[in-house]
Amino acid sequence: MHDWLGILITSFLSMVAGITAARLSAKWATEGALKQRWSERKEKAYAEIVEALYDIILFCDLAEVEYMKMNERDNPKMADYRSKYSEAYLKIQRATDIGAFVISDDSVSILSDLRKRPTLDWNKNPPWEIYEEESRHFHDALAAIMRCAKHDLKYSK
């Protein structure tokens, strides 16, 4: 009878160890997959923000040059860049409003400050000055967002 009880206890302990190992493996695999998915979501959010800022900078730089040349209406790129600017501006607004769920608080703060910044008056300043200042603000924001993204995504040079 002792042999039978020893085999039963050994089998039971082996079964418990197997079940525990399987549960822990599944838990760690699930956590790893969730962390990877979260990281991909963050990376996508930062990529959209960087692209949006870049599109805004391109439009501002082109508009500044074209206004200085006085041929902003003749350049066929202006309409395309203007539509990209509008889309990009909406992306920045969305990222500012709901981005705190994905991106860092510092990044949200940078985007909020960008939205709240004082702007030049169209009635008192020439358009090229306005676009030049806009470009400068968005360049600064882009550099700051890149630093935050590298830190948040744990990238290093």
C-alpha atoms as a PDB file:
ATOM      1  CA  MET A   1       0.000   0.000   0.000  1.00  0.00           C
ATOM      2  CA  HIS A   2       2.881   2.384   0.667  1.00  0.00           C
ATOM      3  CA  ASP A   3       4.139   2.017  -2.904  1.00  0.00           C
ATOM      4  CA  TRP A   4       0.750   2.959  -4.257  1.00  0.00           C
ATOM      5  CA  LEU A   5       0.533   6.076  -2.033  1.00  0.00           C
ATOM      6  CA  GLY A   6       4.075   7.156  -3.017  1.00  0.00           C
ATOM      7  CA  ILE A   7       3.243   6.828  -6.717  1.00  0.00           C
ATOM      8  CA  LEU A   8       0.018   8.788  -6.222  1.00  0.00           C
ATOM      9  CA  ILE A   9       1.785  11.612  -4.338  1.00  0.00           C
ATOM     10  CA  THR A  10       4.579  11.757  -6.912  1.00  0.00           C
ATOM     11  CA  SER A  11       2.064  11.824  -9.779  1.00  0.00           C
ATOM     12  CA  PHE A  12       0.019  14.518  -8.057  1.00  0.00           C
ATOM     13  CA  LEU A  13       3.091  16.711  -7.447  1.00  0.00           C
ATOM     14  CA  SER A  14       4.229  16.227 -11.049  1.00  0.00           C
ATOM     15  CA  MET A  15       0.781  17.190 -12.285  1.00  0.00           C
ATOM     16  CA  VAL A  16       0.683  20.317 -10.068  1.00  0.00           C
ATOM     17  CA  ALA A  17       4.169  21.330 -11.248  1.00  0.00           C
ATOM     18  CA  GLY A  18       3.146  20.856 -14.886  1.00  0.00           C
ATOM     19  CA  ILE A  19      -0.037  22.856 -14.498  1.00  0.00           C
ATOM     20  CA  THR A  20       1.795  25.634 -12.642  1.00  0.00           C
ATOM     21  CA  ALA A  21       4.513  25.768 -15.301  1.00  0.00           C
ATOM     22  CA  ALA A  22       1.907  25.872 -18.072  1.00  0.00           C
ATOM     23  CA  ARG A  23      -0.060  28.681 -16.363  1.00  0.00           C
ATOM     24  CA  LEU A  24       3.066  30.754 -15.732  1.00  0.00           C
ATOM     25  CA  SER A  25       4.290  30.245 -19.306  1.00  0.00           C
ATOM     26  CA  ALA A  26       0.916  31.317 -20.679  1.00  0.00           C
ATOM     27  CA  LYS A  27       0.815  34.330 -18.373  1.00  0.00           C
ATOM     28  CA  TRP A  28       4.325  35.470 -19.336  1.00  0.00           C
ATOM     29  CA  ALA A  29       3.644  34.940 -23.036  1.00  0.00           C
ATOM     30  CA  THR A  30       0.412  36.946 -22.800  1.00  0.00           C
ATOM     31  CA  GLU A  31       2.110  39.761 -20.880  1.00  0.00           C
ATOM     32  CA  GLY A  32       4.926  39.834 -23.427  1.00  0.00           C
ATOM     33  CA  ALA A  33       2.474  40.009 -26.318  1.00  0.00           C
ATOM     34  CA  LEU A  34       0.512  42.803 -24.610  1.00  0.00           C
ATOM     35  CA  LYS A  35       3.687  44.790 -23.922  1.00  0.00           C
ATOM     36  CA  GLN A  36       4.781  44.373 -27.529  1.00  0.00           C
ATOM     37  CA  ARG A  37       1.374  45.448 -28.811  1.00  0.00           C
ATOM     38  CA  TRP A  38       1.357  48.461 -26.486  1.00  0.00           C
ATOM     39  CA  SER A  39       4.846  49.383 -27.650  1.00  0.00           C
ATOM     40  CA  GLU A  40       3.728  49.123 -31.292  1.00  0.00           C
ATOM     41  CA  ARG A  41       0.731  51.329 -30.535  1.00  0.00           C
ATOM     42  CA  LYS A  42       3.003  53.955 -28.944  1.00  0.00           C
ATOM     43  CA  GLU A  43       5.399  53.784 -31.856  1.00  0.00           C
ATOM     44  CA  LYS A  44       2.539  54.271 -34.325  1.00  0.00           C
ATOM     45  CA  ALA A  45       1.202  57.259 -32.361  1.00  0.00           C
ATOM     46  CA  TYR A  46       4.615  58.929 -32.282  1.00  0.00           C
ATOM     47  CA  ALA A  47       5.119  58.210 -35.989  1.00  0.00           C
ATOM     48  CA  GLU A  48       1.797  59.893 -36.814  1.00  0.00           C
ATOM     49  CA  ILE A  49       2.673  62.918 -34.700  1.00  0.00           C
ATOM     50  CA  VAL A  50       6.129  63.256 -36.272  1.00  0.00           C
ATOM     51  CA  GLU A  51       4.675  62.913 -39.786  1.00  0.00           C
ATOM     52  CA  ALA A  52       1.992  65.488 -39.002  1.00  0.00           C
ATOM     53  CA  LEU A  53       4.522  67.974 -37.641  1.00  0.00           C
ATOM     54  CA  TYR A  54       6.729  67.403 -40.671  1.00  0.00           C
ATOM     55  CA  ASP A  55       3.811  68.012 -43.072  1.00  0.00           C
ATOM     56  CA  ILE A  56       2.986  71.253 -41.279  1.00  0.00           C
ATOM     57  CA  ILE A  57       6.633  72.364 -41.467  1.00  0.00           C
ATOM     58  CA  LEU A  58       6.770  71.578 -45.193  1.00  0.00           C
ATOM     59  CA  PHE A  59       3.675  73.645 -45.852  1.00  0.00           C
ATOM     60  CA  CYS A  60       4.866  76.568 -43.739  1.00  0.00           C
ATOM     61  CA  ASP A  61       8.292  76.583 -45.394  1.00  0.00           C
ATOM     62  CA  LEU A  62       6.818  76.406 -48.891  1.00  0.00           C
ATOM     63  CA  ALA A  63       4.186  79.046 -48.120  1.00  0.00           C
ATOM     64  CA  GLU A  64       6.819  81.382 -46.697  1.00  0.00           C
ATOM     65  CA  VAL A  65       8.981  81.121 -49.829  1.00  0.00           C
ATOM     66  CA  GLU A  66       6.038  81.409 -52.198  1.00  0.00           C
ATOM     67  CA  TYR A  67       4.601  84.463 -50.433  1.00  0.00           C
ATOM     68  CA  MET A  68       8.002  86.124 -50.548  1.00  0.00           C
ATOM     69  CA  LYS A  69       8.161  85.447 -54.309  1.00  0.00           C
ATOM     70  CA  MET A  70       4.542  86.598 -54.653  1.00  0.00           C
ATOM     71  CA  ASN A  71       3.513  83.503 -56.592  1.00  0.00           C
ATOM     72  CA  GLU A  72       1.799  81.369 -53.958  1.00  0.00           C
ATOM     73  CA  ARG A  73      -1.197  80.862 -56.234  1.00  0.00           C
ATOM     74  CA  ASP A  74       0.910  79.647 -59.163  1.00  0.00           C
ATOM     75  CA  ASN A  75       2.673  76.798 -57.395  1.00  0.00           C
ATOM     76  CA  PRO A  76       0.804  73.503 -57.969  1.00  0.00           C
ATOM     77  CA  LYS A  77       2.302  72.016 -54.799  1.00  0.00           C
ATOM     78  CA  MET A  78       0.536  74.565 -52.611  1.00  0.00           C
ATOM     79  CA  ALA A  79      -2.902  72.923 -52.899  1.00  0.00           C
ATOM     80  CA  ASP A  80      -1.467  69.502 -52.096  1.00  0.00           C
ATOM     81  CA  TYR A  81       0.591  70.828 -49.190  1.00  0.00           C
ATOM     82  CA  ARG A  82      -2.365  72.841 -47.920  1.00  0.00           C
ATOM     83  CA  SER A  83      -4.554  69.722 -47.726  1.00  0.00           C
ATOM     84  CA  LYS A  84      -1.736  67.810 -45.992  1.00  0.00           C
ATOM     85  CA  TYR A  85      -1.391  70.762 -43.610  1.00  0.00           C
ATOM     86  CA  SER A  86      -5.102  70.605 -42.737  1.00  0.00           C
ATOM     87  CA  GLU A  87      -4.984  66.853 -42.135  1.00  0.00           C
ATOM     88  CA  ALA A  88      -1.789  67.168 -40.110  1.00  0.00           C
ATOM     89  CA  TYR A  89      -3.212  69.956 -37.982  1.00  0.00           C
ATOM     90  CA  LEU A  90      -6.233  67.788 -37.138  1.00  0.00           C
ATOM     91  CA  LYS A  91      -3.917  64.894 -36.225  1.00  0.00           C
ATOM     92  CA  ILE A  92      -2.008  67.173 -33.862  1.00  0.00           C
ATOM     93  CA  GLN A  93      -5.251  68.307 -32.251  1.00  0.00           C
ATOM     94  CA  ARG A  94      -6.405  64.700 -31.843  1.00  0.00           C
ATOM     95  CA  ALA A  95      -3.049  63.653 -30.417  1.00  0.00           C
ATOM     96  CA  THR A  96      -3.227  66.520 -27.946  1.00  0.00           C
ATOM     97  CA  ASP A  97      -6.759  65.660 -26.870  1.00  0.00           C
ATOM     98  CA  ILE A  98      -6.575  61.870 -26.646  1.00  0.00           C
ATOM     99  CA  GLY A  99      -2.861  61.142 -26.946  1.00  0.00           C
ATOM    100  CA  ALA A 100      -2.313  60.989 -23.200  1.00  0.00           C
ATOM    101  CA  PHE A 101      -3.635  57.447 -23.301  1.00  0.00           C
ATOM    102  CA  VAL A 102      -0.701  56.347 -25.459  1.00  0.00           C
ATOM    103  CA  ILE A 103       2.096  58.929 -25.496  1.00  0.00           C
ATOM    104  CA  SER A 104       4.017  60.358 -22.568  1.00  0.00           C
ATOM    105  CA  ASP A 105       2.744  63.267 -20.487  1.00  0.00           C
ATOM    106  CA  ASP A 106       5.738  65.334 -21.628  1.00  0.00           C
ATOM    107  CA  SER A 107       4.739  64.818 -25.260  1.00  0.00           C
ATOM    108  CA  VAL A 108       1.150  65.826 -24.540  1.00  0.00           C
ATOM    109  CA  SER A 109       2.453  68.922 -22.754  1.00  0.00           C
ATOM    110  CA  ILE A 110       4.601  69.853 -25.763  1.00  0.00           C
ATOM    111  CA  LEU A 111       1.626  69.491 -28.104  1.00  0.00           C
ATOM    112  CA  SER A 112      -0.646  71.439 -25.739  1.00  0.00           C
ATOM    113  CA  ASP A 113       1.885  74.263 -25.523  1.00  0.00           C
ATOM    114  CA  LEU A 114       2.127  74.243 -29.310  1.00  0.00           C
ATOM    115  CA  ARG A 115      -1.632  74.641 -29.616  1.00  0.00           C
ATOM    116  CA  LYS A 116      -1.787  77.403 -26.982  1.00  0.00           C
ATOM    117  CA  ARG A 117       1.170  79.417 -28.311  1.00  0.00           C
ATOM    118  CA  PRO A 118       0.582  83.036 -29.272  1.00  0.00           C
ATOM    119  CA  THR A 119       0.367  83.608 -33.007  1.00  0.00           C
ATOM    120  CA  LEU A 120       1.035  86.622 -35.151  1.00  0.00           C
ATOM    121  CA  ASP A 121      -1.906  88.666 -36.394  1.00  0.00           C
ATOM    122  CA  TRP A 122      -2.656  88.221 -40.113  1.00  0.00           C
ATOM    123  CA  ASN A 123      -3.824  91.856 -40.282  1.00  0.00           C
ATOM    124  CA  LYS A 124      -0.598  93.263 -38.829  1.00  0.00           C
ATOM    125  CA  ASN A 125       2.104  90.958 -40.216  1.00  0.00           C
ATOM    126  CA  PRO A 126       3.060  89.844 -43.692  1.00  0.00           C
ATOM    127  CA  PRO A 127       2.215  86.195 -44.442  1.00  0.00           C
ATOM    128  CA  TRP A 128       5.850  85.097 -44.836  1.00  0.00           C
ATOM    129  CA  GLU A 129       6.615  86.250 -41.276  1.00  0.00           C
ATOM    130  CA  ILE A 130       3.645  84.298 -39.980  1.00  0.00           C
ATOM    131  CA  TYR A 131       4.688  81.155 -41.837  1.00  0.00           C
ATOM    132  CA  GLU A 132       8.290  81.599 -40.741  1.00  0.00           C
ATOM    133  CA  GLU A 133       7.254  81.806 -37.101  1.00  0.00           C
ATOM    134  CA  GLU A 134       4.859  78.866 -37.471  1.00  0.00           C
ATOM    135  CA  SER A 135       7.646  76.804 -39.004  1.00  0.00           C
ATOM    136  CA  ARG A 136       9.996  77.689 -36.155  1.00  0.00           C
ATOM    137  CA  HIS A 137       7.424  76.673 -33.524  1.00  0.00           C
ATOM    138  CA  PHE A 138       6.695  73.385 -35.269  1.00  0.00           C
ATOM    139  CA  HIS A 139      10.429  72.674 -35.738  1.00  0.00           C
ATOM    140  CA  ASP A 140      10.965  73.158 -32.003  1.00  0.00           C
ATOM    141  CA  ALA A 141       7.992  70.929 -31.200  1.00  0.00           C
ATOM    142  CA  LEU A 142       9.243  68.261 -33.603  1.00  0.00           C
ATOM    143  CA  ALA A 143      12.676  68.213 -31.967  1.00  0.00           C
ATOM    144  CA  ALA A 144      11.117  67.983 -28.495  1.00  0.00           C
ATOM    145  CA  ILE A 145       8.690  65.226 -29.545  1.00  0.00           C
ATOM    146  CA  MET A 146      11.575  63.258 -31.079  1.00  0.00           C
ATOM    147  CA  ARG A 147      13.461  63.440 -27.765  1.00  0.00           C
ATOM    148  CA  CYS A 148      10.370  62.327 -25.844  1.00  0.00           C
ATOM    149  CA  ALA A 149       9.674  59.511 -28.297  1.00  0.00           C
ATOM    150  CA  LYS A 150      13.231  58.212 -28.035  1.00  0.00           C
ATOM    151  CA  HIS A 151      12.976  58.237 -24.264  1.00  0.00           C
ATOM    152  CA  ASP A 152       9.466  56.804 -24.140  1.00  0.00           C
ATOM    153  CA  LEU A 153      10.243  54.069 -26.651  1.00  0.00           C
ATOM    154  CA  LYS A 154      13.627  53.406 -25.027  1.00  0.00           C
ATOM    155  CA  TYR A 155      15.651  54.102 -28.170  1.00  0.00           C
ATOM    156  CA  SER A 156      19.266  55.104 -27.859  1.00  0.00           C
ATOM    157  CA  LYS A 157      21.954  56.221 -30.262  1.00  0.00           C
END
